[in-house]
Amino acid sequence: MGSKSGKTSQAGRTDPSVLAAGIRAGERAALARGITLVESSRTDHQDAAQDLLAKVLDLSGGAVRIGLSGAPGVGKSTFIEAFGLFLISQGLKVAVLAVDPSSARTGGSILGDKTRMEFLARHPAAFIRPSPSGGTLGGVARRTREAMLLTEAAGYDVVLIETVGVGQSETAVADMVDMFLLLLSPGGGDELQGIKRGIMELADLVVVNKADGDLKPAARRAAAEYGAALHLMRPKSQNWSPKVALASALKGEGLEDIWTLIQDFRAKMQASGELDGQRAEQAKTWMWTELREGLLSQLQTHAEASQLVGELEKEVAKGGVTPTTAANRLLALLFPERAS
């Protein structure tokens, strides 16, 4: 009898109908298992994951999606915990996800953050999920997008997606959220020079953290410098000019002002129709990304192509054939009609 019960429980861990019912009921355990399912690379699990997503898709889309980035040492973990607890105090449920393409090498910094954010991690109205280890940025971003849909279906009101990688991970996060928040320290000046222009251009809101004690005057100066820099950049939207805010995550100061700015941003984007348009474009971009990765996966698992690709790479490197010709020869293996 006990064995039969165990088998049923084990089957339920990947059964899309069982998981969907649990997620729709807001069960954290079902949500965690659902995200584990979408993270799996097994073909049968991927099929089950898409079935699961289809069963809960009608409940997704209601959350405020916020991307958050910041250099090491800026107090990101402290800020996320303080801001998350503030949002919970306002009666909201908060999910924290990560995009970390470097996690295969480092284990993912959010794994450490989860232990440092112990109060938020333990709160029943919060859900913290590290990024899956290994894989390409595209693979990690894909799983994070699907995890976001599941957290929304489970009733989370705010989803914070943290980028803990470098380079393109910020762009990947910006392509799946409503608003991008850049967390900076009171350094200003030299630090401003070190911030990649591309990351500043992504920001809808810049928050200068650690604006307390002896650092408060420096934080105000830095905020003025960052504000001036943002004014020189072309805004992403006609309906919103990027703002700069001060905060002390350690003391819990400035969090209400930040939430007010986020709500103002969302209200303006919704009223103009830009929010719906942005999400529609993100969904289309996601589809084409899936298509490209799917084609690449097909080529990598195609027996003849896997043999030919090494030869073509050598030919391309030597200049014996153009990259386009080489690519077309590989594509012809998947689509024979191209060769006719």
Protein backbone atom coordinates (compact mmCIF):
# COMPACT_ATOMS: atom_id res chain seq x y z
CA MET A 1 0.00 0.00 0.00
CA GLY A 2 2.80 2.39 0.95
CA SER A 3 4.67 1.52 -2.24
CA LYS A 4 1.65 2.33 -4.37
CA SER A 5 1.25 5.68 -2.61
CA GLY A 6 4.93 6.46 -3.25
CA LYS A 7 4.58 5.69 -6.95
CA THR A 8 1.53 7.96 -7.24
CA SER A 9 3.39 10.76 -5.49
CA GLN A 10 6.42 10.32 -7.74
CA ALA A 11 4.25 10.40 -10.88
CA GLY A 12 2.50 13.51 -9.60
CA ARG A 13 5.82 15.33 -9.44
CA THR A 14 5.87 15.56 -13.24
CA ASP A 15 2.17 15.15 -14.07
CA PRO A 16 1.12 18.41 -15.78
CA SER A 17 -2.49 18.17 -14.54
CA VAL A 18 -1.47 17.59 -10.92
CA LEU A 19 1.14 20.34 -11.02
CA ALA A 20 -1.23 22.79 -12.75
CA ALA A 21 -3.90 22.24 -10.10
CA GLY A 22 -1.35 22.87 -7.35
CA ILE A 23 0.07 25.97 -9.02
CA ARG A 24 -3.39 27.40 -9.66
CA ALA A 25 -4.07 26.88 -5.95
CA GLY A 26 -0.89 28.82 -5.09
CA GLU A 27 0.99 25.86 -3.60
CA ARG A 28 4.70 26.65 -3.28
CA ALA A 29 5.73 22.99 -3.49
CA ALA A 30 3.84 22.55 -6.77
CA LEU A 31 5.42 25.75 -8.12
CA ALA A 32 8.91 24.54 -7.20
CA ARG A 33 8.29 21.18 -8.89
CA GLY A 34 6.83 22.92 -11.95
CA ILE A 35 9.94 25.07 -12.34
CA THR A 36 12.14 21.99 -11.91
CA LEU A 37 10.16 20.41 -14.74
CA VAL A 38 10.68 23.35 -17.14
CA GLU A 39 14.38 23.37 -16.25
CA SER A 40 14.81 19.70 -17.18
CA SER A 41 16.53 18.93 -20.49
CA ARG A 42 14.83 15.55 -20.86
CA THR A 43 12.60 15.43 -23.94
CA ASP A 44 9.67 13.85 -22.08
CA HIS A 45 9.98 16.47 -19.34
CA GLN A 46 10.08 19.28 -21.90
CA ASP A 47 6.87 17.98 -23.49
CA ALA A 48 5.25 17.78 -20.04
CA ALA A 49 6.52 21.28 -19.22
CA GLN A 50 4.86 22.77 -22.31
CA ASP A 51 1.64 20.95 -21.39
CA LEU A 52 1.87 22.42 -17.89
CA LEU A 53 2.43 25.94 -19.23
CA ALA A 54 -0.57 25.59 -21.52
CA LYS A 55 -2.74 24.60 -18.54
CA VAL A 56 -1.84 27.71 -16.50
CA LEU A 57 -1.17 30.29 -19.22
CA ASP A 58 -4.54 31.97 -18.66
CA LEU A 59 -3.46 32.93 -15.12
CA SER A 60 -0.10 34.42 -16.18
CA GLY A 61 0.65 38.01 -17.13
CA GLY A 62 -0.80 39.78 -14.11
CA ALA A 63 2.42 40.45 -12.21
CA VAL A 64 4.64 43.51 -12.25
CA ARG A 65 7.80 42.24 -13.95
CA ILE A 66 10.93 44.04 -12.77
CA GLY A 67 14.47 43.37 -13.97
CA LEU A 68 17.22 44.26 -11.53
CA SER A 69 20.96 44.55 -12.08
CA GLY A 70 23.88 45.90 -10.13
CA ALA A 71 27.61 45.44 -9.79
CA PRO A 72 29.05 43.26 -6.98
CA GLY A 73 29.25 45.17 -3.71
CA VAL A 74 26.32 47.45 -4.46
CA GLY A 75 24.18 45.70 -1.85
CA LYS A 76 21.90 43.85 -4.25
CA SER A 77 20.97 41.03 -1.87
CA THR A 78 20.22 43.47 0.94
CA PHE A 79 18.14 45.61 -1.41
CA ILE A 80 16.15 42.69 -2.81
CA GLU A 81 15.39 41.41 0.68
CA ALA A 82 14.42 44.84 2.04
CA PHE A 83 12.34 45.72 -1.02
CA GLY A 84 10.72 42.27 -1.09
CA LEU A 85 9.74 42.51 2.58
CA PHE A 86 8.40 46.04 2.00
CA LEU A 87 6.21 44.80 -0.87
CA ILE A 88 4.95 41.95 1.32
CA SER A 89 4.05 44.51 3.99
CA GLN A 90 1.85 46.12 1.33
CA GLY A 91 -0.06 42.83 0.98
CA LEU A 92 1.78 41.60 -2.13
CA LYS A 93 3.38 38.24 -2.96
CA VAL A 94 6.95 38.43 -4.30
CA ALA A 95 8.99 36.03 -6.43
CA VAL A 96 12.73 36.41 -7.05
CA LEU A 97 14.29 34.66 -10.06
CA ALA A 98 17.78 34.88 -11.54
CA VAL A 99 19.46 34.89 -14.92
CA ASP A 100 23.01 33.67 -14.43
CA PRO A 101 24.81 32.17 -17.46
CA SER A 102 28.00 31.92 -15.38
CA SER A 103 26.40 29.56 -12.86
CA ALA A 104 27.98 26.50 -14.50
CA ARG A 105 31.35 27.79 -13.33
CA THR A 106 30.49 29.62 -10.10
CA GLY A 107 27.41 27.85 -8.82
CA GLY A 108 25.43 31.08 -9.21
CA SER A 109 25.73 33.96 -6.76
CA ILE A 110 22.03 33.87 -5.96
CA LEU A 111 22.64 30.52 -4.27
CA GLY A 112 24.57 32.50 -1.67
CA ASP A 113 22.00 35.31 -1.82
CA LYS A 114 19.25 32.88 -0.83
CA THR A 115 21.00 32.20 2.47
CA ARG A 116 21.79 35.90 2.98
CA MET A 117 18.15 36.82 2.25
CA GLU A 118 17.04 34.48 5.00
CA PHE A 119 14.08 36.56 6.21
CA LEU A 120 12.64 36.92 2.72
CA ALA A 121 13.37 33.28 1.85
CA ARG A 122 11.46 32.08 4.91
CA HIS A 123 8.43 34.33 4.38
CA PRO A 124 5.35 32.43 3.14
CA ALA A 125 4.52 35.29 0.73
CA ALA A 126 7.91 35.07 -1.00
CA PHE A 127 9.47 32.61 -3.43
CA ILE A 128 13.19 32.66 -4.29
CA ARG A 129 14.58 30.51 -7.09
CA PRO A 130 18.22 30.28 -8.22
CA SER A 131 18.92 30.10 -11.94
CA PRO A 132 19.58 26.63 -13.36
CA SER A 133 23.28 25.80 -13.44
CA GLY A 134 24.91 25.19 -16.79
CA GLY A 135 23.72 25.93 -20.27
CA THR A 136 23.92 28.95 -22.52
CA LEU A 137 22.49 32.38 -21.77
CA GLY A 138 19.65 31.56 -24.14
CA GLY A 139 18.85 28.37 -22.28
CA VAL A 140 18.92 30.04 -18.87
CA ALA A 141 16.81 32.96 -20.12
CA ARG A 142 14.29 30.55 -21.63
CA ARG A 143 13.85 28.71 -18.36
CA THR A 144 13.60 31.98 -16.43
CA ARG A 145 10.83 33.20 -18.77
CA GLU A 146 8.89 29.99 -18.23
CA ALA A 147 9.51 30.12 -14.46
CA MET A 148 8.14 33.68 -14.51
CA LEU A 149 4.91 32.50 -16.16
CA LEU A 150 4.53 29.79 -13.52
CA THR A 151 5.10 32.20 -10.61
CA GLU A 152 2.48 34.54 -12.07
CA ALA A 153 0.03 31.66 -12.41
CA ALA A 154 0.71 30.81 -8.74
CA GLY A 155 -0.50 34.28 -7.77
CA TYR A 156 2.71 36.24 -7.24
CA ASP A 157 2.09 39.96 -7.74
CA VAL A 158 5.68 41.12 -8.30
CA VAL A 159 8.42 39.13 -10.04
CA LEU A 160 11.97 40.41 -9.53
CA ILE A 161 14.33 38.97 -12.13
CA GLU A 162 17.91 39.50 -11.08
CA THR A 163 20.79 39.38 -13.52
CA VAL A 164 23.90 38.08 -11.81
CA GLY A 165 25.86 37.46 -14.99
CA VAL A 166 27.71 39.96 -17.15
CA GLY A 167 27.37 41.38 -20.64
CA GLN A 168 24.33 40.19 -22.54
CA SER A 169 22.47 38.91 -19.48
CA GLU A 170 21.17 42.44 -18.78
CA THR A 171 19.74 42.64 -22.30
CA ALA A 172 18.18 39.19 -21.89
CA VAL A 173 16.47 40.32 -18.68
CA ALA A 174 15.31 43.60 -20.23
CA ASP A 175 13.66 41.56 -22.99
CA MET A 176 11.40 39.75 -20.52
CA VAL A 177 10.40 42.43 -17.99
CA ASP A 178 8.22 45.54 -17.90
CA MET A 179 10.76 47.73 -16.13
CA PHE A 180 14.53 47.57 -15.70
CA LEU A 181 16.00 48.82 -12.41
CA LEU A 182 19.73 49.51 -12.16
CA LEU A 183 21.18 49.52 -8.66
CA LEU A 184 24.29 51.66 -8.18
CA SER A 185 26.52 52.71 -5.27
CA PRO A 186 27.27 56.28 -4.13
CA GLY A 187 30.58 56.28 -6.03
CA GLY A 188 29.53 58.50 -8.96
CA GLY A 189 32.31 60.13 -10.99
CA ASP A 190 34.79 57.37 -11.83
CA GLU A 191 32.15 54.70 -11.31
CA LEU A 192 29.93 56.41 -13.87
CA GLN A 193 32.72 56.04 -16.42
CA GLY A 194 32.93 52.33 -15.69
CA ILE A 195 29.23 51.67 -16.30
CA LYS A 196 28.61 50.36 -19.76
CA ARG A 197 26.52 52.82 -21.74
CA GLY A 198 24.35 49.96 -22.98
CA ILE A 199 23.32 49.03 -19.44
CA MET A 200 22.50 52.66 -18.58
CA GLU A 201 20.35 52.85 -21.71
CA LEU A 202 18.34 49.86 -20.50
CA ALA A 203 17.47 51.51 -17.19
CA ASP A 204 13.97 52.84 -16.53
CA LEU A 205 14.89 53.54 -12.92
CA VAL A 206 18.32 54.04 -11.34
CA VAL A 207 18.53 53.50 -7.58
CA VAL A 208 21.54 54.77 -5.65
CA ASN A 209 21.80 52.43 -2.68
CA LYS A 210 23.64 52.91 0.63
CA ALA A 211 22.33 56.49 0.92
CA ASP A 212 22.81 56.62 4.68
CA GLY A 213 25.29 57.84 7.30
CA ASP A 214 28.53 59.29 5.97
CA LEU A 215 27.68 58.15 2.44
CA LYS A 216 24.47 60.19 2.20
CA PRO A 217 26.09 63.35 0.71
CA ALA A 218 28.05 61.22 -1.78
CA ALA A 219 24.85 59.39 -2.70
CA ARG A 220 23.08 62.67 -3.44
CA ARG A 221 25.96 63.84 -5.63
CA ALA A 222 26.02 60.52 -7.43
CA ALA A 223 22.26 60.68 -8.01
CA ALA A 224 22.67 64.11 -9.62
CA GLU A 225 25.47 62.82 -11.86
CA TYR A 226 23.51 59.74 -12.90
CA GLY A 227 20.47 61.92 -13.59
CA ALA A 228 22.54 64.20 -15.83
CA ALA A 229 23.93 61.18 -17.68
CA LEU A 230 20.43 59.78 -18.26
CA HIS A 231 19.26 63.10 -19.72
CA LEU A 232 21.94 62.80 -22.40
CA MET A 233 20.57 59.44 -23.50
CA ARG A 234 17.60 58.88 -25.73
CA PRO A 235 14.72 57.52 -23.61
CA LYS A 236 13.34 54.09 -24.51
CA SER A 237 9.78 55.35 -24.26
CA GLN A 238 7.91 58.51 -25.18
CA ASN A 239 5.77 57.97 -22.09
CA TRP A 240 8.52 57.68 -19.49
CA SER A 241 11.79 59.43 -18.74
CA PRO A 242 14.20 57.37 -16.60
CA LYS A 243 14.27 58.46 -12.97
CA VAL A 244 16.90 58.37 -10.22
CA ALA A 245 16.02 57.50 -6.64
CA LEU A 246 17.94 57.23 -3.37
CA ALA A 247 17.65 54.28 -1.01
CA SER A 248 19.16 52.70 2.06
CA ALA A 249 18.30 49.04 1.93
CA LEU A 250 20.09 48.54 5.24
CA LYS A 251 17.77 51.01 6.99
CA GLY A 252 14.74 50.35 4.81
CA GLU A 253 14.64 53.95 3.58
CA GLY A 254 13.45 55.09 0.15
CA LEU A 255 11.64 51.83 -0.62
CA GLU A 256 8.18 53.38 -0.60
CA ASP A 257 9.33 56.09 -3.04
CA ILE A 258 10.78 53.42 -5.36
CA TRP A 259 7.51 51.47 -5.32
CA THR A 260 5.59 54.69 -6.07
CA LEU A 261 7.83 55.32 -9.09
CA ILE A 262 7.33 51.73 -10.30
CA GLN A 263 3.55 52.08 -9.97
CA ASP A 264 3.66 55.42 -11.80
CA PHE A 265 5.71 53.83 -14.61
CA ARG A 266 3.30 50.93 -14.92
CA ALA A 267 0.23 53.20 -14.90
CA LYS A 268 1.62 55.40 -17.68
CA MET A 269 2.72 52.44 -19.79
CA GLN A 270 -0.66 50.75 -19.38
CA ALA A 271 -2.64 53.90 -20.15
CA SER A 272 -0.69 54.47 -23.37
CA GLY A 273 -1.00 50.84 -24.44
CA GLU A 274 2.78 50.57 -24.54
CA LEU A 275 2.94 47.89 -21.85
CA ASP A 276 0.73 45.50 -23.84
CA GLY A 277 2.68 46.30 -27.01
CA GLN A 278 6.01 45.70 -25.29
CA ARG A 279 4.89 42.35 -23.90
CA ALA A 280 3.56 41.33 -27.32
CA GLU A 281 6.92 42.15 -28.93
CA GLN A 282 8.75 40.26 -26.18
CA ALA A 283 6.57 37.20 -26.83
CA LYS A 284 7.33 37.34 -30.58
CA THR A 285 11.05 37.75 -29.89
CA TRP A 286 10.87 34.75 -27.55
CA MET A 287 9.21 32.67 -30.29
CA TRP A 288 11.96 33.47 -32.82
CA THR A 289 14.63 32.76 -30.21
CA GLU A 290 13.05 29.36 -29.59
CA LEU A 291 12.94 28.72 -33.33
CA ARG A 292 16.65 29.57 -33.80
CA GLU A 293 17.69 27.44 -30.83
CA GLY A 294 15.45 24.61 -32.03
CA LEU A 295 17.04 24.63 -35.48
CA LEU A 296 20.52 24.70 -33.95
CA SER A 297 19.61 21.78 -31.71
CA GLN A 298 18.32 19.83 -34.71
CA LEU A 299 21.60 20.42 -36.54
CA GLN A 300 23.65 19.35 -33.52
CA THR A 301 21.75 16.07 -33.23
CA HIS A 302 21.68 15.37 -36.99
CA ALA A 303 24.16 12.54 -37.63
CA GLU A 304 25.38 13.74 -41.04
CA ALA A 305 25.49 17.38 -39.98
CA SER A 306 27.58 16.65 -36.90
CA GLN A 307 30.21 15.05 -39.14
CA LEU A 308 30.07 17.77 -41.77
CA VAL A 309 30.21 20.74 -39.41
CA GLY A 310 33.85 20.09 -38.40
CA GLU A 311 34.96 19.91 -42.03
CA LEU A 312 33.08 23.09 -42.95
CA GLU A 313 34.53 24.98 -39.98
CA LYS A 314 38.04 24.14 -41.21
CA GLU A 315 37.17 25.19 -44.77
CA VAL A 316 35.67 28.48 -43.57
CA ALA A 317 38.72 29.15 -41.35
CA LYS A 318 41.07 28.57 -44.30
CA GLY A 319 38.97 30.75 -46.58
CA GLY A 320 38.15 27.83 -48.86
CA VAL A 321 34.42 28.45 -48.63
CA THR A 322 32.29 31.39 -47.55
CA PRO A 323 30.42 31.18 -44.20
CA THR A 324 27.11 31.59 -46.05
CA THR A 325 27.83 28.68 -48.38
CA ALA A 326 28.83 26.51 -45.41
CA ALA A 327 25.66 27.44 -43.51
CA ASN A 328 23.52 26.69 -46.55
CA ARG A 329 25.09 23.25 -46.93
CA LEU A 330 24.22 22.45 -43.32
CA LEU A 331 20.68 23.80 -43.66
CA ALA A 332 20.21 21.68 -46.79
CA LEU A 333 20.58 18.59 -44.62
CA LEU A 334 17.53 19.67 -42.58
CA PHE A 335 15.67 21.03 -45.59
CA PRO A 336 16.62 18.93 -48.65
CA GLU A 337 14.41 21.02 -50.90
CA ARG A 338 16.92 23.90 -50.50
CA ALA A 339 19.49 21.87 -52.41
CA SER A 340 17.18 21.07 -55.32
